[in-house]
Amino acid sequence: MSSPSSAPLTLPLDPPGGRRAALVWGVGVCVYLVAVVFRTSLGVAGLDAADRFHVNASALSAFSILQLLVYAGMQIPVGLLVDRLGTRKVLTLGIVLFTVGQLGFALSPSYGMALAARALLGCGDAMTFISVLRLGSRWFPARRGPMIVQIAGLFGVVGNLLSTIVLARALDSLGWTATFAGSSLAGLVVLVLVVAFLKDHPEGFEPEPVPHAGVAYVRHQIARAWREPGTRLGMWVHFTTQFPAMVFLLLWGMPFLVEAQGLSRGRAGELLTVVVLSNMVVGLVYGQLIARHHAARAPLALGTIGATALVWAGTVTYPGEHAPMWLLVALCAVLGACGPASMIGFDFARPANPPERQGTASGIVNIGGFTASMTTLFAIGVLLDATGGSYRVAFSSVFVLQVLGVAQILRLRARTARLERERLVASRVEAVHVPA
């Protein structure tokens, strides 16, 4: 028999799920997949971008930093928009923005215009994942929540895989403009799917209208979500787990493997694929474990952080000129667990907040990892320029943020668990009907 904390409670008014839910939610995750393809496309084109725009490491990192700065800054506004307007409208706007951004990046003749295009892409990208989480909670029962989150993350991994394999090869054969302009057509495809098939919720499960009071309502939503320890714990879990893999895949993995480790671009691309494939496998395992044993969330997150720090340290401090291939493979395999571990942050925030505040809480959580990624991208670029290209020094900046994040997770973990147990007991008492 499972303990009270081993699985989330299924409420009587949970949506039923089923094929219709899978279809609608599938449209949403396809939008997220395309957004991730666009987001990570620079990861395989970093060296090409440096040559095309004649920039150094710091200027190159500015592409990803600006994109993530816009993404992180949009999370709470997007969460509020999703809570107020619904998924369909927000996703539609997001598709338009990230498609125009990808096309603009393809056609940009200058560094400044390319930066503006990445900022626009980041704005549209920011509207996708929170919308997909909200869509899943509206169409599937709560007990499916952990697996739904991990599967959504899995579609993001597929987007990474497409960038690593398809876009990398297209760049070699078709060139910059044709590759990025051609990929922007995927945005038009998912826009048609959203308009034709996506609905915010199943029939009969319309959310109760929530009164809105302008700025006062916004402040209230943010403050109530932030006061929940589960929201803050989710943010710090996301902060600490996501950024090493994000930094590696989004920009610095390819240059590190080629310039510091002496690999060919083809072999480096294969190693980046290991990150993606590991992410897919680990995501399914983590989703099953958390769905069956809710108490496994924190140990899985902390274990992933520890494994990442250990292998990362082994790679950057290896005494030889180049790390051995087995160590690089191990690094990429462990980095593959970072994405699934970051999804655990949403599993802390969801039970801490009511349905009408889920978008806002998810936005706060999502800020964590992207803020850490943005900070590390900037630090690595500056340190590379300052040290003449020493990846050993630059990559060591990762450990500073890991220490900060682990300290916060340990501080909030016990209080969050206690409040979850109290709410679970209260909800079960309310569900008992006593005969008159």
Protein backbone atom coordinates (compact mmCIF):
# COMPACT_ATOMS: atom_id res chain seq x y z
CA MET A 1 0.00 0.00 0.00
CA SER A 2 1.38 3.42 -0.91
CA SER A 3 1.91 6.07 1.69
CA PRO A 4 -0.10 9.34 1.65
CA SER A 5 2.86 11.12 0.13
CA SER A 6 3.63 8.54 -2.51
CA ALA A 7 1.04 9.67 -5.07
CA PRO A 8 -1.02 12.78 -5.76
CA LEU A 9 -4.73 12.77 -5.00
CA THR A 10 -7.17 12.37 -7.88
CA LEU A 11 -10.04 14.80 -7.40
CA PRO A 12 -13.65 13.99 -8.36
CA LEU A 13 -13.76 16.84 -10.90
CA ASP A 14 -10.59 15.76 -12.72
CA PRO A 15 -10.91 15.81 -16.52
CA PRO A 16 -11.17 12.29 -17.94
CA GLY A 17 -8.29 12.34 -20.44
CA GLY A 18 -8.68 9.92 -23.35
CA ARG A 19 -8.04 10.11 -27.09
CA ARG A 20 -9.54 13.56 -27.55
CA ALA A 21 -7.29 14.89 -24.78
CA ALA A 22 -4.26 13.24 -26.36
CA LEU A 23 -5.05 14.83 -29.73
CA VAL A 24 -5.52 18.34 -28.38
CA TRP A 25 -2.54 18.14 -26.09
CA GLY A 26 -0.49 16.63 -28.92
CA VAL A 27 -1.06 19.78 -30.94
CA GLY A 28 0.23 21.83 -28.04
CA VAL A 29 3.40 19.81 -27.61
CA CYS A 30 4.07 20.00 -31.35
CA VAL A 31 4.15 23.77 -30.95
CA TYR A 32 6.62 23.35 -28.10
CA LEU A 33 8.75 21.02 -30.23
CA VAL A 34 9.03 23.61 -33.00
CA ALA A 35 9.84 26.34 -30.46
CA VAL A 36 12.70 24.22 -29.08
CA VAL A 37 14.04 23.56 -32.60
CA PHE A 38 14.18 27.32 -33.16
CA ARG A 39 15.59 28.00 -29.67
CA THR A 40 18.43 25.48 -29.96
CA SER A 41 19.25 26.07 -33.63
CA LEU A 42 22.06 28.40 -32.62
CA GLY A 43 23.66 25.56 -30.66
CA VAL A 44 24.77 23.85 -33.87
CA ALA A 45 25.44 27.14 -35.68
CA GLY A 46 27.58 28.93 -33.09
CA LEU A 47 30.80 28.69 -35.09
CA ASP A 48 28.95 29.67 -38.29
CA ALA A 49 27.39 32.67 -36.52
CA ALA A 50 30.78 33.84 -35.26
CA ASP A 51 32.12 33.76 -38.83
CA ARG A 52 29.01 35.28 -40.41
CA PHE A 53 28.80 38.27 -38.06
CA HIS A 54 32.55 38.53 -37.25
CA VAL A 55 32.14 38.41 -33.45
CA ASN A 56 34.15 37.07 -30.51
CA ALA A 57 33.01 34.69 -27.74
CA SER A 58 31.35 37.38 -25.60
CA ALA A 59 29.39 38.79 -28.53
CA LEU A 60 28.43 35.29 -29.64
CA SER A 61 27.09 34.46 -26.17
CA ALA A 62 25.00 37.64 -26.36
CA PHE A 63 22.71 35.90 -28.87
CA SER A 64 21.70 33.27 -26.35
CA ILE A 65 21.84 35.61 -23.36
CA LEU A 66 19.42 38.08 -24.93
CA GLN A 67 17.14 35.28 -26.07
CA LEU A 68 17.06 33.77 -22.57
CA LEU A 69 16.76 37.20 -20.92
CA VAL A 70 13.61 37.86 -22.90
CA TYR A 71 12.39 34.32 -22.22
CA ALA A 72 12.94 34.57 -18.47
CA GLY A 73 11.50 38.08 -18.26
CA MET A 74 8.34 36.95 -20.04
CA GLN A 75 7.58 33.98 -17.79
CA ILE A 76 5.40 35.68 -15.18
CA PRO A 77 3.56 37.88 -17.73
CA VAL A 78 2.95 34.79 -19.86
CA GLY A 79 1.71 32.84 -16.83
CA LEU A 80 -0.75 35.63 -16.08
CA LEU A 81 -1.85 35.74 -19.73
CA VAL A 82 -2.44 31.98 -19.80
CA ASP A 83 -4.48 32.16 -16.59
CA ARG A 84 -6.56 35.00 -18.01
CA LEU A 85 -6.83 34.38 -21.78
CA GLY A 86 -6.37 30.62 -22.05
CA THR A 87 -3.91 28.44 -23.92
CA ARG A 88 -5.16 28.83 -27.49
CA LYS A 89 -4.75 32.59 -27.75
CA VAL A 90 -1.36 32.65 -26.04
CA LEU A 91 0.03 29.80 -28.16
CA THR A 92 -1.18 31.47 -31.36
CA LEU A 93 0.63 34.69 -30.47
CA GLY A 94 3.74 32.75 -29.50
CA ILE A 95 3.86 30.91 -32.83
CA VAL A 96 3.66 34.15 -34.79
CA LEU A 97 6.47 35.71 -32.78
CA PHE A 98 8.94 32.83 -32.83
CA THR A 99 8.34 32.16 -36.55
CA VAL A 100 9.01 35.77 -37.48
CA GLY A 101 12.08 35.68 -35.23
CA GLN A 102 13.50 32.57 -36.91
CA LEU A 103 12.88 34.00 -40.38
CA GLY A 104 14.43 37.30 -39.35
CA PHE A 105 17.52 35.50 -38.07
CA ALA A 106 17.88 33.80 -41.44
CA LEU A 107 17.76 37.09 -43.35
CA SER A 108 19.62 39.39 -40.93
CA PRO A 109 22.51 41.16 -42.70
CA SER A 110 24.06 42.51 -39.48
CA TYR A 111 24.80 41.48 -35.91
CA GLY A 112 22.34 44.02 -34.47
CA MET A 113 19.43 42.80 -36.59
CA ALA A 114 20.27 39.21 -35.76
CA LEU A 115 20.17 40.07 -32.04
CA ALA A 116 16.72 41.65 -32.47
CA ALA A 117 15.50 38.52 -34.27
CA ARG A 118 16.70 36.25 -31.44
CA ALA A 119 14.94 38.50 -28.91
CA LEU A 120 11.69 38.18 -30.86
CA LEU A 121 12.17 34.43 -31.03
CA GLY A 122 12.73 34.29 -27.28
CA CYS A 123 9.50 36.21 -26.68
CA GLY A 124 7.47 33.73 -28.72
CA ASP A 125 9.28 30.74 -27.25
CA ALA A 126 8.40 31.98 -23.75
CA MET A 127 4.71 31.50 -24.49
CA THR A 128 4.88 27.80 -25.34
CA PHE A 129 5.89 25.62 -22.40
CA ILE A 130 3.68 27.20 -19.75
CA SER A 131 0.76 27.00 -22.18
CA VAL A 132 1.43 23.31 -22.75
CA LEU A 133 1.54 22.63 -19.00
CA ARG A 134 -1.76 24.45 -18.55
CA LEU A 135 -3.27 22.50 -21.45
CA GLY A 136 -2.24 19.20 -19.87
CA SER A 137 -3.74 20.09 -16.50
CA ARG A 138 -7.05 21.02 -18.19
CA TRP A 139 -7.34 17.84 -20.27
CA PHE A 140 -5.82 15.08 -18.08
CA PRO A 141 -6.48 13.93 -14.49
CA ALA A 142 -4.08 15.13 -11.78
CA ARG A 143 -2.56 11.67 -11.27
CA ARG A 144 -1.19 11.91 -14.81
CA GLY A 145 0.53 15.22 -14.03
CA PRO A 146 4.14 14.01 -13.52
CA MET A 147 4.09 11.87 -16.64
CA ILE A 148 2.45 14.63 -18.70
CA VAL A 149 5.18 17.06 -17.66
CA GLN A 150 7.95 14.60 -18.52
CA ILE A 151 6.41 13.76 -21.90
CA ALA A 152 6.17 17.47 -22.68
CA GLY A 153 9.85 17.73 -21.84
CA LEU A 154 10.46 14.72 -24.08
CA PHE A 155 9.03 16.60 -27.06
CA GLY A 156 11.49 19.36 -26.27
CA VAL A 157 14.23 16.74 -26.42
CA VAL A 158 13.02 15.68 -29.86
CA GLY A 159 13.31 19.33 -30.86
CA ASN A 160 16.91 19.31 -29.62
CA LEU A 161 17.54 16.15 -31.61
CA LEU A 162 16.16 17.70 -34.78
CA SER A 163 18.43 20.72 -34.30
CA THR A 164 21.46 18.54 -33.67
CA ILE A 165 20.93 16.21 -36.61
CA VAL A 166 18.79 17.91 -39.24
CA LEU A 167 19.80 21.55 -38.93
CA ALA A 168 23.48 20.71 -38.51
CA ARG A 169 23.48 18.76 -41.77
CA ALA A 170 21.36 21.38 -43.51
CA LEU A 171 23.88 24.07 -42.58
CA ASP A 172 26.66 22.09 -44.20
CA SER A 173 24.74 21.41 -47.40
CA LEU A 174 22.36 24.36 -47.82
CA GLY A 175 24.01 27.22 -45.99
CA TRP A 176 22.80 29.73 -43.42
CA THR A 177 19.89 31.49 -45.12
CA ALA A 178 18.23 28.44 -46.67
CA THR A 179 18.51 26.44 -43.42
CA PHE A 180 17.00 29.02 -41.08
CA ALA A 181 14.42 30.33 -43.55
CA GLY A 182 13.35 26.82 -44.46
CA SER A 183 12.98 25.79 -40.82
CA SER A 184 10.65 28.75 -40.19
CA LEU A 185 8.02 27.01 -42.34
CA ALA A 186 7.43 24.63 -39.43
CA GLY A 187 5.94 27.57 -37.56
CA LEU A 188 3.25 27.97 -40.21
CA VAL A 189 2.38 24.27 -39.96
CA VAL A 190 1.80 24.33 -36.20
CA LEU A 191 -0.14 27.60 -36.49
CA VAL A 192 -2.64 25.84 -38.76
CA LEU A 193 -2.89 22.92 -36.31
CA VAL A 194 -3.60 25.23 -33.37
CA VAL A 195 -6.28 27.16 -35.20
CA ALA A 196 -7.95 23.97 -36.47
CA PHE A 197 -7.78 21.60 -33.51
CA LEU A 198 -6.75 23.14 -30.19
CA LYS A 199 -9.28 23.87 -27.43
CA ASP A 200 -8.54 25.19 -23.97
CA HIS A 201 -10.52 22.53 -22.08
CA PRO A 202 -12.95 19.63 -22.64
CA GLU A 203 -16.70 20.21 -22.71
CA GLY A 204 -18.17 20.41 -19.23
CA PHE A 205 -14.86 21.28 -17.56
CA GLU A 206 -14.85 25.02 -18.06
CA PRO A 207 -12.87 26.76 -15.30
CA GLU A 208 -14.81 29.07 -13.03
CA PRO A 209 -14.45 32.71 -14.07
CA VAL A 210 -11.94 34.59 -11.94
CA PRO A 211 -12.50 38.30 -11.32
CA HIS A 212 -9.69 40.45 -12.66
CA ALA A 213 -8.77 43.77 -11.13
CA GLY A 214 -5.94 45.10 -13.25
CA VAL A 215 -2.63 45.69 -11.52
CA ALA A 216 -4.06 44.65 -8.16
CA TYR A 217 -5.01 41.24 -9.55
CA VAL A 218 -1.55 40.76 -11.08
CA ARG A 219 0.18 41.60 -7.82
CA HIS A 220 -2.16 39.29 -5.93
CA GLN A 221 -1.53 36.35 -8.27
CA ILE A 222 2.23 36.73 -8.17
CA ALA A 223 2.40 37.30 -4.41
CA ARG A 224 0.17 34.33 -3.56
CA ALA A 225 2.13 32.01 -5.86
CA TRP A 226 5.48 33.21 -4.50
CA ARG A 227 4.44 32.80 -0.87
CA GLU A 228 3.98 29.08 -1.43
CA PRO A 229 7.19 27.21 -0.47
CA GLY A 230 6.38 24.64 -3.17
CA THR A 231 6.57 27.35 -5.86
CA ARG A 232 9.93 28.59 -4.60
CA LEU A 233 11.29 25.06 -4.21
CA GLY A 234 10.18 24.28 -7.76
CA MET A 235 11.97 27.37 -9.03
CA TRP A 236 15.24 26.43 -7.31
CA VAL A 237 15.03 22.83 -8.52
CA HIS A 238 14.55 24.13 -12.06
CA PHE A 239 17.35 26.67 -11.53
CA THR A 240 19.91 24.11 -10.38
CA THR A 241 19.13 21.17 -12.64
CA GLN A 242 18.44 22.67 -16.05
CA PHE A 243 21.26 25.06 -16.81
CA PRO A 244 24.33 22.79 -17.34
CA ALA A 245 22.65 20.93 -20.20
CA MET A 246 21.03 24.10 -21.53
CA VAL A 247 24.37 25.91 -21.69
CA PHE A 248 26.00 22.88 -23.36
CA LEU A 249 23.28 22.35 -25.97
CA LEU A 250 22.31 25.95 -26.58
CA LEU A 251 25.76 27.33 -27.36
CA TRP A 252 28.98 26.14 -25.75
CA GLY A 253 28.90 22.35 -26.22
CA MET A 254 29.95 22.35 -29.88
CA PRO A 255 32.80 24.89 -29.46
CA PHE A 256 34.05 23.06 -26.35
CA LEU A 257 34.13 19.68 -28.05
CA VAL A 258 35.73 21.03 -31.24
CA GLU A 259 38.16 23.65 -29.90
CA ALA A 260 39.05 22.27 -26.45
CA GLN A 261 38.70 18.54 -27.07
CA GLY A 262 39.97 18.39 -30.64
CA LEU A 263 36.96 16.56 -32.09
CA SER A 264 35.59 16.99 -35.59
CA ARG A 265 32.25 18.74 -35.93
CA GLY A 266 30.68 15.45 -36.97
CA ARG A 267 31.90 13.62 -33.88
CA ALA A 268 30.91 16.57 -31.66
CA GLY A 269 27.42 16.45 -33.16
CA GLU A 270 27.22 12.75 -32.31
CA LEU A 271 28.07 13.51 -28.68
CA LEU A 272 25.39 16.21 -28.53
CA THR A 273 22.99 13.57 -29.78
CA VAL A 274 23.95 11.43 -26.76
CA VAL A 275 22.65 14.25 -24.51
CA VAL A 276 19.36 14.23 -26.35
CA LEU A 277 18.91 10.45 -26.39
CA SER A 278 19.80 10.19 -22.70
CA ASN A 279 17.22 12.89 -21.98
CA MET A 280 14.52 10.86 -23.72
CA VAL A 281 15.25 7.69 -21.74
CA VAL A 282 15.69 9.39 -18.37
CA GLY A 283 12.54 11.46 -18.86
CA LEU A 284 10.37 8.37 -19.18
CA VAL A 285 12.01 6.74 -16.14
CA TYR A 286 11.67 9.85 -13.97
CA GLY A 287 8.04 10.32 -15.00
CA GLN A 288 7.13 6.76 -13.98
CA LEU A 289 9.02 6.98 -10.69
CA ILE A 290 7.45 10.26 -9.65
CA ALA A 291 3.95 9.18 -10.66
CA ARG A 292 4.27 6.10 -8.42
CA HIS A 293 6.41 7.57 -5.63
CA HIS A 294 5.83 11.27 -5.16
CA ALA A 295 8.46 11.40 -2.40
CA ALA A 296 11.15 10.53 -4.97
CA ARG A 297 11.08 14.05 -6.43
CA ALA A 298 13.72 15.68 -4.23
CA PRO A 299 16.13 12.68 -4.17
CA LEU A 300 16.00 12.46 -7.96
CA ALA A 301 16.68 16.18 -8.34
CA LEU A 302 19.54 16.21 -5.85
CA GLY A 303 21.01 13.01 -7.26
CA THR A 304 21.03 14.49 -10.75
CA ILE A 305 22.75 17.64 -9.51
CA GLY A 306 25.41 15.60 -7.72
CA ALA A 307 26.07 13.36 -10.73
CA THR A 308 26.30 16.38 -13.04
CA ALA A 309 28.77 18.16 -10.77
CA LEU A 310 30.94 15.04 -10.43
CA VAL A 311 31.24 14.29 -14.15
CA TRP A 312 31.54 17.95 -15.13
CA ALA A 313 34.41 18.36 -12.65
CA GLY A 314 36.09 15.22 -13.95
CA THR A 315 35.94 16.55 -17.51
CA VAL A 316 37.20 20.09 -16.92
CA THR A 317 39.98 19.03 -14.53
CA TYR A 318 41.23 16.04 -16.51
CA PRO A 319 45.04 16.28 -16.45
CA GLY A 320 45.62 15.37 -20.10
CA GLU A 321 45.35 17.68 -23.10
CA HIS A 322 42.00 16.13 -24.04
CA ALA A 323 39.52 14.19 -21.92
CA PRO A 324 39.10 10.56 -23.03
CA MET A 325 36.11 9.69 -25.15
CA TRP A 326 34.51 7.56 -22.42
CA LEU A 327 34.49 10.58 -20.09
CA LEU A 328 32.96 12.84 -22.74
CA VAL A 329 30.27 10.22 -23.41
CA ALA A 330 29.60 9.97 -19.66
CA LEU A 331 29.33 13.76 -19.44
CA CYS A 332 26.80 13.88 -22.27
CA ALA A 333 24.80 10.97 -20.82
CA VAL A 334 24.58 12.65 -17.40
CA LEU A 335 23.69 16.01 -18.95
CA GLY A 336 20.77 14.19 -20.54
CA ALA A 337 19.24 13.77 -17.08
CA CYS A 338 19.24 17.53 -16.42
CA GLY A 339 16.13 18.24 -18.51
CA PRO A 340 13.94 15.58 -16.86
CA ALA A 341 15.20 16.66 -13.43
CA SER A 342 14.22 20.26 -14.16
CA MET A 343 10.65 19.13 -14.88
CA ILE A 344 10.43 18.00 -11.25
CA GLY A 345 10.25 21.67 -10.31
CA PHE A 346 6.76 21.91 -11.80
CA ASP A 347 5.70 18.87 -9.74
CA PHE A 348 6.49 20.85 -6.59
CA ALA A 349 4.62 23.97 -7.72
CA ARG A 350 1.47 22.28 -9.05
CA PRO A 351 0.07 20.85 -5.77
CA ALA A 352 0.92 24.09 -3.97
CA ASN A 353 -1.33 26.28 -6.15
CA PRO A 354 -5.02 26.18 -7.17
CA PRO A 355 -5.99 25.79 -10.86
CA GLU A 356 -6.53 29.51 -11.43
CA ARG A 357 -2.93 30.20 -10.38
CA GLN A 358 -1.17 27.35 -12.20
CA GLY A 359 0.08 29.48 -15.09
CA THR A 360 1.56 32.10 -12.79
CA ALA A 361 3.25 29.49 -10.59
CA SER A 362 4.65 27.66 -13.62
CA GLY A 363 6.04 30.94 -14.92
CA ILE A 364 7.88 31.53 -11.65
CA VAL A 365 9.34 28.02 -11.75
CA ASN A 366 10.39 28.38 -15.39
CA ILE A 367 12.30 31.56 -14.62
CA GLY A 368 14.75 29.54 -12.53
CA GLY A 369 16.57 27.44 -15.08
CA PHE A 370 16.64 30.10 -17.77
CA THR A 371 18.04 32.70 -15.36
CA ALA A 372 20.80 30.28 -14.40
CA SER A 373 21.45 29.46 -18.07
CA MET A 374 21.63 33.12 -19.02
CA THR A 375 24.02 33.88 -16.17
CA THR A 376 26.30 30.96 -17.05
CA LEU A 377 26.31 31.72 -20.77
CA PHE A 378 27.48 35.24 -19.98
CA ALA A 379 30.09 34.06 -17.45
CA ILE A 380 31.56 31.50 -19.85
CA GLY A 381 31.80 34.01 -22.70
CA VAL A 382 33.52 36.63 -20.53
CA LEU A 383 35.90 34.11 -18.96
CA LEU A 384 36.84 32.64 -22.34
CA ASP A 385 37.79 36.08 -23.62
CA ALA A 386 39.60 36.98 -20.38
CA THR A 387 41.64 33.75 -20.26
CA GLY A 388 42.47 33.41 -23.92
CA GLY A 389 40.04 30.55 -24.47
CA SER A 390 40.50 28.45 -21.31
CA TYR A 391 37.41 26.26 -21.13
CA ARG A 392 38.72 24.76 -17.88
CA VAL A 393 38.36 28.11 -16.12
CA ALA A 394 35.22 29.20 -17.95
CA PHE A 395 33.29 25.97 -17.38
CA SER A 396 34.12 26.04 -13.66
CA SER A 397 31.53 28.83 -13.27
CA VAL A 398 28.89 26.10 -13.30
CA PHE A 399 29.77 25.02 -9.76
CA VAL A 400 28.96 28.42 -8.23
CA LEU A 401 25.33 28.27 -9.29
CA GLN A 402 25.01 24.61 -8.30
CA VAL A 403 26.11 25.39 -4.73
CA LEU A 404 23.64 28.28 -4.50
CA GLY A 405 20.78 26.17 -5.82
CA VAL A 406 21.41 23.15 -3.59
CA ALA A 407 21.48 25.38 -0.51
CA GLN A 408 18.03 26.76 -1.37
CA ILE A 409 16.58 23.33 -2.17
CA LEU A 410 17.70 21.96 1.19
CA ARG A 411 16.27 25.03 2.95
CA LEU A 412 12.78 24.70 1.41
CA ARG A 413 12.44 20.94 1.09
CA ALA A 414 11.10 20.03 4.55
CA ARG A 415 8.56 22.86 4.75
CA THR A 416 7.16 22.04 1.31
CA ALA A 417 6.75 18.36 2.21
CA ARG A 418 4.93 19.24 5.44
CA LEU A 419 2.46 21.55 3.70
CA GLU A 420 1.79 18.95 0.99
CA ARG A 421 0.97 16.32 3.63
CA GLU A 422 -1.38 18.70 5.43
CA ARG A 423 -3.21 19.59 2.21
CA LEU A 424 -3.51 15.96 1.18
CA VAL A 425 -5.09 15.02 4.51
CA ALA A 426 -7.46 18.01 4.34
CA SER A 427 -8.56 17.20 0.78
CA ARG A 428 -9.27 13.58 1.73
CA VAL A 429 -11.36 14.68 4.71
CA GLU A 430 -13.37 17.02 2.48
CA ALA A 431 -13.97 14.18 0.00
CA VAL A 432 -15.64 12.02 2.68
CA HIS A 433 -19.45 12.35 2.61
CA VAL A 434 -21.03 11.75 6.01
CA PRO A 435 -24.75 10.64 5.84
CA ALA A 436 -27.15 13.09 7.48
